[in-house]
């Protein structure tokens, strides 16, 4: 209910191919650090999406750290929130879900390189999606705003830093910004890997489609999550 309008604004501007690679963070700690859901189906109310087993095999071949695994995905929400949009717009789409539980920059480069190789060699290039929230601030999130700012105001301040790096498609800058400024962006690692892949594939910038926070829906400016939707060009 909070991020849907942002995601919808992005998907309304994208022509969906027959496959999509979705990369997100591992919130639970279950499963291996680089988990690939390599076969089967993901169920939704009123339908399902089939896993692109050929893309999974291609990625696993190119990324030695990756492991075929279902455990990391069973209680993970970060990718499934994208599926209603994909299914509504293209019910026959196949997906490759990948969740990342590591933090180091060099492995982000390795994953980005593997993603780029898979996409470059596919007969029809898949859509590449990084799924993440931005700043989490307020009670229950482990971060409080500095004096003089509400959680919403601090989220705006922090998110400007990350959006700048995202806009420039600068994976190293994004990774450094999040860690240096303690930005509570849960999926900065998958976003970093996807930025490296996009650069390798020839993208030069990302266009900001929409930015919002949970306060825009809830009215609560003291406990806030930020959201941004960008398209890599």
Foldseek 3Di string as FASTA:
>chain_A
DQCVVQLVLQLVPDDADQEEEEEFAQPPPPDAQKEKQQFDWADDVPAIATAPNVLSVQLCVQQVRYDHDDTSPPPDDQPVVNPVSCCVNPVNHHYIYIYGHDQDLVVLLSSLVSLLVSQVPDPHRHHYHYGWWWAWEAPPLPHHDDPPDAQQRVSVVLVVQLVVCQFQLNLVSNSCSCVVVVISIRGSSRSSSNSSNLVVNPWGGKAWRDKDKSCVPVVDRRTIIIHTDIHTD
